[in-house]
Protein backbone atom coordinates (compact mmCIF):
# COMPACT_ATOMS: atom_id res chain seq x y z
CA MET A 1 0.00 0.00 0.00
CA GLU A 2 2.83 2.42 0.86
CA GLU A 3 4.55 1.67 -2.47
CA TYR A 4 1.27 2.34 -4.34
CA ALA A 5 0.87 5.71 -2.59
CA MET A 6 4.42 6.73 -3.55
CA ILE A 7 3.90 5.82 -7.19
CA ASN A 8 0.84 8.08 -7.37
CA LYS A 9 2.42 11.18 -5.81
CA ASN A 10 2.79 14.21 -8.09
CA PHE A 11 6.43 14.55 -9.10
CA VAL A 12 7.95 17.48 -10.95
CA ILE A 13 11.33 17.16 -12.67
CA SER A 14 13.79 20.03 -12.23
CA VAL A 15 16.37 20.02 -15.01
CA GLY A 16 19.22 21.47 -13.01
CA ILE A 17 19.83 21.68 -9.27
CA GLY A 18 22.12 24.68 -9.20
CA TYR A 19 21.55 28.11 -7.68
CA GLY A 20 19.40 29.21 -10.63
CA GLN A 21 16.91 26.43 -9.89
CA LEU A 22 16.82 26.86 -6.12
CA GLU A 23 13.84 29.24 -5.89
CA PHE A 24 11.90 27.14 -8.42
CA ILE A 25 12.44 24.02 -6.29
CA LYS A 26 11.51 25.89 -3.09
CA ARG A 27 8.22 27.00 -4.60
CA LEU A 28 7.41 23.51 -5.87
CA LYS A 29 7.93 22.11 -2.37
CA ALA A 30 5.78 24.87 -0.87
CA HIS A 31 2.97 23.81 -3.24
CA GLY A 32 3.28 20.21 -2.03
CA TYR A 33 4.97 18.71 -5.08
CA LYS A 34 7.62 16.05 -4.90
CA VAL A 35 10.75 17.06 -6.82
CA ILE A 36 13.17 15.02 -8.90
CA GLY A 37 16.30 17.00 -9.69
CA PHE A 38 19.49 16.30 -11.58
CA GLY A 39 22.58 18.23 -12.56
CA LYS A 40 26.34 17.93 -12.60
CA GLY A 41 28.94 20.42 -11.51
CA LYS A 42 27.86 23.57 -9.70
CA ASN A 43 24.94 22.07 -7.78
CA SER A 44 23.38 23.91 -4.85
CA GLU A 45 23.54 21.99 -1.58
CA GLU A 46 20.23 23.54 -0.52
CA ALA A 47 18.56 22.60 -3.81
CA VAL A 48 19.83 19.03 -3.46
CA SER A 49 18.56 18.79 0.11
CA LEU A 50 15.07 19.97 -0.90
CA CYS A 51 14.64 17.42 -3.69
CA ASP A 52 13.09 14.03 -3.01
CA TYR A 53 15.41 12.36 -5.53
CA THR A 54 18.64 13.72 -7.01
CA ALA A 55 21.37 12.41 -9.28
CA GLU A 56 24.70 13.66 -10.64
CA ILE A 57 23.63 13.64 -14.27
CA ASP A 58 24.56 16.33 -16.79
CA THR A 59 21.60 18.54 -17.77
CA ARG A 60 22.50 17.83 -21.42
CA ASP A 61 22.17 14.05 -21.00
CA PHE A 62 18.61 13.07 -21.95
CA GLU A 63 19.29 9.34 -22.17
CA GLY A 64 20.98 9.21 -18.77
CA ALA A 65 18.33 11.36 -17.12
CA SER A 66 15.33 9.53 -18.57
CA ALA A 67 16.76 6.10 -17.72
CA TRP A 68 17.35 7.15 -14.11
CA ILE A 69 13.91 8.77 -13.75
CA ASP A 70 12.24 5.68 -15.24
CA SER A 71 13.98 3.56 -12.60
CA LEU A 72 12.25 5.55 -9.85
CA ALA A 73 8.84 4.27 -11.02
CA VAL A 74 6.95 7.46 -10.14
CA ARG A 75 4.27 9.45 -11.95
CA ILE A 76 5.62 12.60 -13.60
CA THR A 77 3.33 15.64 -13.52
CA ALA A 78 5.60 18.25 -15.07
CA VAL A 79 9.11 19.15 -16.21
CA GLY A 80 10.56 22.58 -15.54
CA SER A 81 13.75 24.60 -15.70
CA PHE A 82 15.15 28.12 -15.88
CA ALA A 83 18.40 26.78 -17.35
CA GLY A 84 19.82 27.50 -20.79
CA GLY A 85 22.24 25.95 -23.27
CA GLY A 86 22.03 22.19 -23.76
CA ALA A 87 19.51 21.89 -20.93
CA ILE A 88 16.82 23.39 -23.18
CA ASP A 89 16.83 20.36 -25.48
CA VAL A 90 16.61 18.02 -22.48
CA VAL A 91 13.68 19.96 -20.98
CA GLN A 92 11.85 19.68 -24.29
CA ARG A 93 12.59 15.99 -24.74
CA LEU A 94 11.66 15.04 -21.16
CA THR A 95 8.47 17.10 -21.40
CA ASN A 96 7.44 15.11 -24.47
CA TYR A 97 8.75 11.78 -23.19
CA TYR A 98 6.52 11.98 -20.11
CA HIS A 99 3.56 13.45 -22.06
CA THR A 100 3.18 16.46 -19.77
CA HIS A 101 0.82 19.41 -20.32
CA THR A 102 3.57 21.52 -21.90
CA ALA A 103 4.67 18.96 -24.49
CA ILE A 104 5.53 20.61 -27.82
CA PRO A 105 5.45 19.38 -31.43
CA GLU A 106 8.51 17.26 -32.21
CA SER A 107 9.36 19.51 -35.16
CA LEU A 108 10.26 22.29 -32.70
CA ILE A 109 12.92 20.23 -30.92
CA VAL A 110 16.09 21.02 -32.88
CA GLY A 111 18.88 21.17 -30.30
CA SER A 112 21.43 23.96 -29.85
CA ASP A 113 22.97 23.99 -33.33
CA LYS A 114 22.15 27.37 -34.90
CA ILE A 115 21.84 26.01 -38.44
CA GLN A 116 19.20 23.50 -37.33
CA GLN A 117 17.44 26.25 -35.40
CA GLN A 118 17.46 28.51 -38.45
CA ARG A 119 15.89 25.78 -40.59
CA MET A 120 13.07 25.49 -38.07
CA TYR A 121 12.60 29.28 -38.02
CA SER A 122 12.42 29.30 -41.82
CA LYS A 123 9.88 26.48 -41.84
CA TYR A 124 7.50 28.47 -39.64
CA ASN A 125 8.20 31.86 -41.31
CA LEU A 126 9.93 33.15 -38.20
CA SER A 127 13.06 34.33 -39.99
CA LYS A 128 14.28 35.16 -43.48
CA ILE A 129 17.83 35.95 -42.44
CA LYS A 130 20.31 34.36 -44.89
CA THR A 131 22.40 31.84 -42.97
CA TRP A 132 25.30 29.54 -43.90
CA ARG A 133 27.62 27.05 -42.28
CA ALA A 134 31.10 28.48 -42.84
CA LYS A 135 32.31 25.37 -44.65
CA ASN A 136 29.38 25.62 -47.08
CA LEU A 137 29.80 29.28 -48.05
CA SER A 138 32.03 29.70 -51.08
CA ILE A 139 33.81 32.87 -52.13
CA GLN A 140 31.79 32.75 -55.37
CA GLU A 141 28.44 32.65 -53.53
CA LEU A 142 29.55 35.44 -51.21
CA SER A 143 30.54 37.56 -54.23
CA ALA A 144 26.93 37.52 -55.38
CA GLU A 145 25.81 39.34 -52.22
CA CYS A 146 25.49 43.14 -52.21
CA SER A 147 28.78 44.87 -51.49
CA ASP A 148 27.33 47.07 -48.73
CA LYS A 149 26.05 44.16 -46.64
CA MET A 150 27.54 43.39 -43.24
CA PHE A 151 27.76 39.87 -41.83
CA ILE A 152 27.73 38.20 -38.43
CA VAL A 153 30.10 35.34 -37.63
CA LYS A 154 29.31 33.27 -34.52
CA PRO A 155 29.89 29.84 -32.98
CA SER A 156 27.49 27.11 -34.08
CA ALA A 157 26.22 26.45 -30.55
CA GLY A 158 27.40 29.48 -28.56
CA ARG A 159 25.52 31.26 -25.77
CA GLY A 160 25.65 34.68 -24.17
CA SER A 161 26.88 36.48 -27.34
CA GLU A 162 30.38 35.09 -26.77
CA GLY A 163 32.57 34.90 -29.88
CA VAL A 164 30.18 36.95 -32.05
CA GLU A 165 31.62 39.53 -34.45
CA ILE A 166 30.43 41.80 -37.28
CA VAL A 167 32.49 41.91 -40.46
CA SER A 168 32.24 43.52 -43.89
CA LYS A 169 31.88 41.52 -47.07
CA GLN A 170 35.56 42.05 -47.89
CA GLU A 171 36.67 41.06 -44.38
CA LEU A 172 34.53 37.94 -44.53
CA SER A 173 35.93 37.05 -47.94
CA ASP A 174 39.49 37.37 -46.62
CA MET A 175 38.67 35.30 -43.55
CA LEU A 176 37.18 32.52 -45.64
CA ASP A 177 40.07 32.61 -48.10
CA LYS A 178 42.62 32.34 -45.28
CA ARG A 179 40.51 29.75 -43.42
CA MET A 180 40.33 31.95 -40.34
CA ILE A 181 36.78 30.81 -39.51
CA ALA A 182 36.04 27.41 -37.94
CA SER A 183 34.27 25.20 -40.47
CA GLU A 184 31.21 24.67 -38.24
CA SER A 185 30.77 28.37 -37.43
CA VAL A 186 27.63 30.17 -38.55
CA ILE A 187 27.59 33.15 -40.91
CA GLN A 188 24.53 35.37 -41.30
CA VAL A 189 23.64 38.54 -43.14
CA LEU A 190 23.33 41.29 -40.53
CA GLN A 191 19.69 42.32 -40.13
CA ARG A 192 19.23 45.76 -38.61
CA GLY A 193 16.28 46.95 -36.56
CA ARG A 194 14.94 47.14 -33.02
CA GLU A 195 15.95 44.12 -30.98
CA TYR A 196 13.52 42.65 -28.47
CA ARG A 197 13.88 39.93 -25.87
CA CYS A 198 10.30 38.65 -25.66
CA MET A 199 8.75 36.32 -23.13
CA LEU A 200 5.58 34.46 -24.09
CA ILE A 201 3.31 32.29 -22.01
CA VAL A 202 0.88 30.26 -24.13
CA GLN A 203 -1.89 28.24 -22.49
CA ASP A 204 -4.55 26.30 -24.37
CA ARG A 205 -3.35 27.96 -27.61
CA GLN A 206 -3.95 31.45 -26.17
CA ILE A 207 -1.15 33.96 -25.60
CA LYS A 208 -1.54 34.94 -21.94
CA LEU A 209 1.68 36.97 -21.87
CA LEU A 210 3.72 38.64 -24.58
CA ALA A 211 6.34 40.85 -22.96
CA PRO A 212 7.97 43.17 -25.57
CA ILE A 213 11.28 43.95 -23.83
CA LEU A 214 13.54 46.20 -25.87
CA ARG A 215 17.13 45.02 -25.67
CA GLU A 216 19.94 47.57 -25.95
CA SER A 217 23.48 46.29 -26.42
CA TYR A 218 26.29 47.30 -24.11
CA ARG A 219 28.72 49.97 -25.37
CA GLY A 220 29.53 48.76 -28.89
CA THR A 221 29.27 45.04 -28.04
CA PHE A 222 26.65 42.33 -28.51
CA PHE A 223 26.32 41.95 -24.74
CA LEU A 224 23.20 42.91 -22.79
CA GLY A 225 23.30 46.57 -21.76
CA ARG A 226 19.72 47.44 -20.88
CA LEU A 227 16.26 45.93 -20.94
CA ARG A 228 13.10 48.05 -20.89
CA TYR A 229 9.44 47.67 -21.77
CA GLU A 230 8.50 49.06 -25.19
CA GLU A 231 5.05 48.61 -26.75
CA LYS A 232 5.75 50.36 -30.07
CA ASP A 233 5.80 47.01 -31.91
CA LEU A 234 3.52 45.06 -29.57
CA SER A 235 0.65 44.63 -32.06
CA ARG A 236 3.00 43.37 -34.80
CA LEU A 237 4.73 41.01 -32.39
CA ARG A 238 1.42 39.63 -31.14
CA ASN A 239 0.27 38.91 -34.69
CA PHE A 240 3.66 37.41 -35.58
CA PHE A 241 3.74 35.00 -32.64
CA GLY A 242 0.01 34.32 -32.89
CA ARG A 243 0.53 32.95 -36.41
CA PHE A 244 3.42 30.81 -35.16
CA VAL A 245 1.38 29.33 -32.28
CA LYS A 246 -1.41 28.45 -34.72
CA SER A 247 0.79 26.99 -37.45
CA SER A 248 3.12 25.07 -35.14
CA GLY A 249 0.44 23.30 -33.11
CA ILE A 250 1.73 24.59 -29.77
CA ILE A 251 -0.85 24.17 -26.99
CA SER A 252 0.82 25.31 -23.76
CA THR A 253 4.41 26.42 -23.24
CA ILE A 254 6.71 29.27 -22.25
CA ILE A 255 9.03 30.89 -24.80
CA LYS A 256 11.94 33.32 -24.65
CA ALA A 257 12.64 34.78 -28.08
CA ASP A 258 15.20 37.31 -29.30
CA VAL A 259 13.83 39.07 -32.37
CA ILE A 260 14.75 41.91 -34.72
CA VAL A 261 11.92 44.20 -35.82
CA SER A 262 12.46 46.38 -38.89
CA ASP A 263 9.95 48.49 -40.80
CA SER A 264 9.32 45.67 -43.28
CA ARG A 265 9.64 42.43 -41.29
CA ILE A 266 10.29 40.54 -38.04
CA ASP A 267 13.06 37.94 -37.72
CA VAL A 268 13.75 35.56 -34.85
CA ILE A 269 17.43 35.46 -33.91
CA GLU A 270 17.14 32.82 -31.22
CA MET A 271 14.22 31.16 -29.47
CA ASP A 272 14.12 28.94 -26.37
CA ILE A 273 10.90 26.94 -26.12
CA GLY A 274 9.85 25.44 -22.80
CA VAL A 275 12.23 27.16 -20.37
CA GLY A 276 11.56 30.24 -18.28
CA GLY A 277 14.59 32.40 -19.01
CA GLY A 278 17.40 33.30 -16.61
CA SER A 279 16.84 34.29 -12.99
CA TYR A 280 17.67 37.98 -13.56
CA TYR A 281 15.41 38.30 -16.60
CA LYS A 282 12.43 36.61 -14.93
CA LYS A 283 12.74 38.93 -11.92
CA PHE A 284 12.59 41.91 -14.29
CA ILE A 285 9.47 40.57 -16.06
CA SER A 286 7.86 39.88 -12.67
CA ARG A 287 8.37 43.50 -11.64
CA ILE A 288 6.99 44.94 -14.88
CA TYR A 289 3.75 42.96 -14.66
CA GLY A 290 3.40 42.74 -10.88
CA ARG A 291 3.18 38.95 -11.18
CA ASP A 292 5.64 36.35 -9.95
CA ILE A 293 6.91 34.54 -13.07
CA ILE A 294 8.07 31.52 -11.06
CA GLU A 295 4.53 31.06 -9.69
CA GLU A 296 2.99 31.56 -13.13
CA TYR A 297 5.47 29.10 -14.64
CA ILE A 298 4.59 26.48 -12.05
CA SER A 299 0.90 27.03 -12.79
CA LEU A 300 1.57 26.62 -16.50
CA ILE A 301 3.55 23.38 -16.32
CA THR A 302 1.17 21.80 -13.77
CA ASN A 303 -1.91 22.74 -15.83
CA GLN A 304 -3.35 25.36 -13.47
CA ASN A 305 -5.05 28.43 -14.94
CA VAL A 306 -2.83 31.37 -15.90
CA ASP A 307 -4.63 34.72 -16.17
CA SER A 308 -3.75 37.26 -18.86
CA PHE A 309 -1.03 39.75 -17.93
CA TYR A 310 -1.29 43.55 -17.73
CA VAL A 311 1.55 46.03 -17.44
CA MET A 312 2.03 47.56 -13.99
CA SER A 313 5.44 49.28 -14.27
CA PRO A 314 5.98 50.38 -17.89
CA PHE A 315 8.93 52.66 -17.05
CA LEU A 316 10.99 50.03 -15.26
CA ARG A 317 14.39 49.39 -16.80
CA MET A 318 17.22 47.02 -15.95
CA ASP A 319 20.80 48.11 -16.62
CA TYR A 320 23.63 45.59 -16.77
CA VAL A 321 26.87 46.73 -15.17
CA PHE A 322 30.23 45.39 -16.39
CA ASN A 323 33.77 45.94 -15.15
CA ARG A 324 35.43 48.35 -17.59
CA LEU A 325 38.54 48.88 -15.44
CA ARG A 326 40.27 45.82 -16.95
CA VAL A 327 41.54 44.67 -13.54
CA PRO A 328 39.84 42.61 -10.80
CA VAL A 329 37.61 44.82 -8.66
CA HIS A 330 35.60 44.75 -5.47
CA TYR A 331 32.76 46.89 -4.17
CA ASP A 332 30.72 47.58 -1.05
CA LEU A 333 27.14 46.50 -1.63
CA GLU A 334 25.59 48.92 0.85
CA GLU A 335 27.53 51.82 -0.65
CA CYS A 336 26.30 50.79 -4.10
CA ARG A 337 22.68 50.77 -2.96
CA ARG A 338 23.04 54.16 -1.28
CA VAL A 339 24.73 55.86 -4.25
CA PHE A 340 22.39 54.35 -6.85
CA GLU A 341 19.32 55.46 -4.88
CA GLN A 342 20.74 58.98 -4.56
CA ARG A 343 21.27 59.19 -8.33
CA LEU A 344 18.45 57.04 -9.76
CA GLY A 345 15.76 56.80 -7.08
CA LYS A 346 14.48 53.55 -5.65
CA CYS A 347 16.59 50.67 -7.02
CA GLU A 348 16.94 46.93 -6.79
CA LEU A 349 20.31 45.25 -7.38
CA GLN A 350 20.73 41.66 -8.54
CA ILE A 351 24.24 40.37 -7.88
CA ASN A 352 25.77 37.96 -10.39
CA VAL A 353 26.24 34.79 -8.37
CA LEU A 354 29.23 33.82 -10.58
CA HIS A 355 31.15 36.84 -9.15
CA PRO A 356 32.98 37.88 -12.35
CA GLU A 357 34.43 40.92 -10.55
CA ARG A 358 37.34 38.63 -9.75
CA LYS A 359 38.18 38.61 -13.47
CA ALA A 360 40.04 41.41 -15.22
CA ASP A 361 37.74 41.59 -18.25
CA PHE A 362 34.40 40.48 -19.69
CA SER A 363 33.77 38.24 -22.69
CA SER A 364 30.07 37.32 -22.59
CA ASN A 365 26.69 38.30 -21.17
CA ALA A 366 27.48 36.12 -18.17
CA ASP A 367 30.28 38.47 -17.05
CA PHE A 368 28.10 41.35 -15.81
CA ILE A 369 28.81 42.35 -12.20
CA PHE A 370 25.22 43.11 -11.23
CA THR A 371 22.00 44.50 -12.66
CA VAL A 372 20.24 47.65 -11.46
CA MET A 373 16.46 47.94 -11.77
CA TYR A 374 14.92 51.41 -11.47
CA GLU A 375 12.05 53.49 -12.84
CA SER A 376 12.79 56.02 -15.58
CA ALA A 377 10.71 57.51 -18.38
CA ASP A 378 13.88 58.94 -19.93
CA GLY A 379 14.54 57.45 -23.37
CA SER A 380 18.25 58.23 -23.17
CA ASP A 381 20.68 55.55 -24.28
CA ALA A 382 23.27 56.62 -21.68
CA PHE A 383 24.32 53.71 -19.46
CA THR A 384 24.02 55.72 -16.25
CA ALA A 385 24.22 52.84 -13.76
CA ASP A 386 27.31 51.44 -15.49
CA ASP A 387 29.00 54.87 -15.41
CA ILE A 388 28.23 55.32 -11.72
CA ALA A 389 29.64 51.91 -10.83
CA ASN A 390 32.82 52.18 -12.88
CA GLU A 391 33.57 55.80 -11.94
CA LEU A 392 32.56 55.80 -8.28
CA LEU A 393 31.96 52.36 -6.81
CA PHE A 394 34.43 49.80 -8.12
CA LYS A 395 37.72 49.52 -6.24
CA CYS A 396 40.72 47.95 -7.95
CA GLY A 397 42.01 44.64 -6.65
CA VAL A 398 40.49 41.56 -5.05
CA LYS A 399 39.10 42.27 -1.58
CA SER A 400 41.10 40.47 1.07
């Protein structure tokens, strides 16, 4: 009888048991769910202790994870994660394998390779950006492109804008001729326009949330500089994603999508289906709409009703602060809060748990020191919070 009761408990799988999953796991336990978690490497001791079952299995290992979960002989209610990278594919595959409420059409599961992703975007009219694998782009084919075009070169499965560069047609031709680009790298025509980082929650084929978050790059890089709500293109984005939901057969899921909006078209750059975005991003969305995204995500994956969202703080922005001093730095958190509030008004800081201030440089989105959330109706592109931190708050050297 005891074994039968255990088999019929409601279990939720957490893909990842690191710090980024901790709050998700805490909330699941508070709602009375049993939690199965797995991850390998930087696992959180607290997250591990809260789970009912855990295993040291890489979040990119679907076969290993599914075999272990099957051996537990329990009923799976949902699969969830706020992880990125290779974990996204595993979330999607486990969601479908266990036939949960947020299962997605198999045609949308394409892994982390950007060429495969682009083929899927093309299939569903999500992107018309010309894309090649470096080894498949000949000098002759490149010569046929307009001379004034710019191109993006990036790793085939990279994350966080690391290793991305813009080059001219002539520079690209020289790089290909001299074999300076890895054969599996991805080359795309640069599409210009307004860049958004959108979050969508779809339930029963209805878009309950479409957050149009304008993404501004950091000081001449591809890295995140600022996020802010912008509804200028909201109607176009809603129609664009509405057509995709209908044509793809999606029923219920969460999506994070980076898109470029120009006067003539919308193109998806990258889209994560089935995961809730990073911890800093979801906190920002929660503040804008006055709704806790973790709670809404749990409702979505466990098939509880999710109400439509309405904007509560349209002037909220989130600035990313990087270390521009090119040496390791340290800072006093209370001093930062005091100075930011004097200059910007009421603020909320989110500290990067990876503590990249110990490094002397930054090379990806993951290397920001902290984010600063504050209200501002000013449309200025000045990175005020970053200036304040680098000019007044960062002290050179590692704190002893």
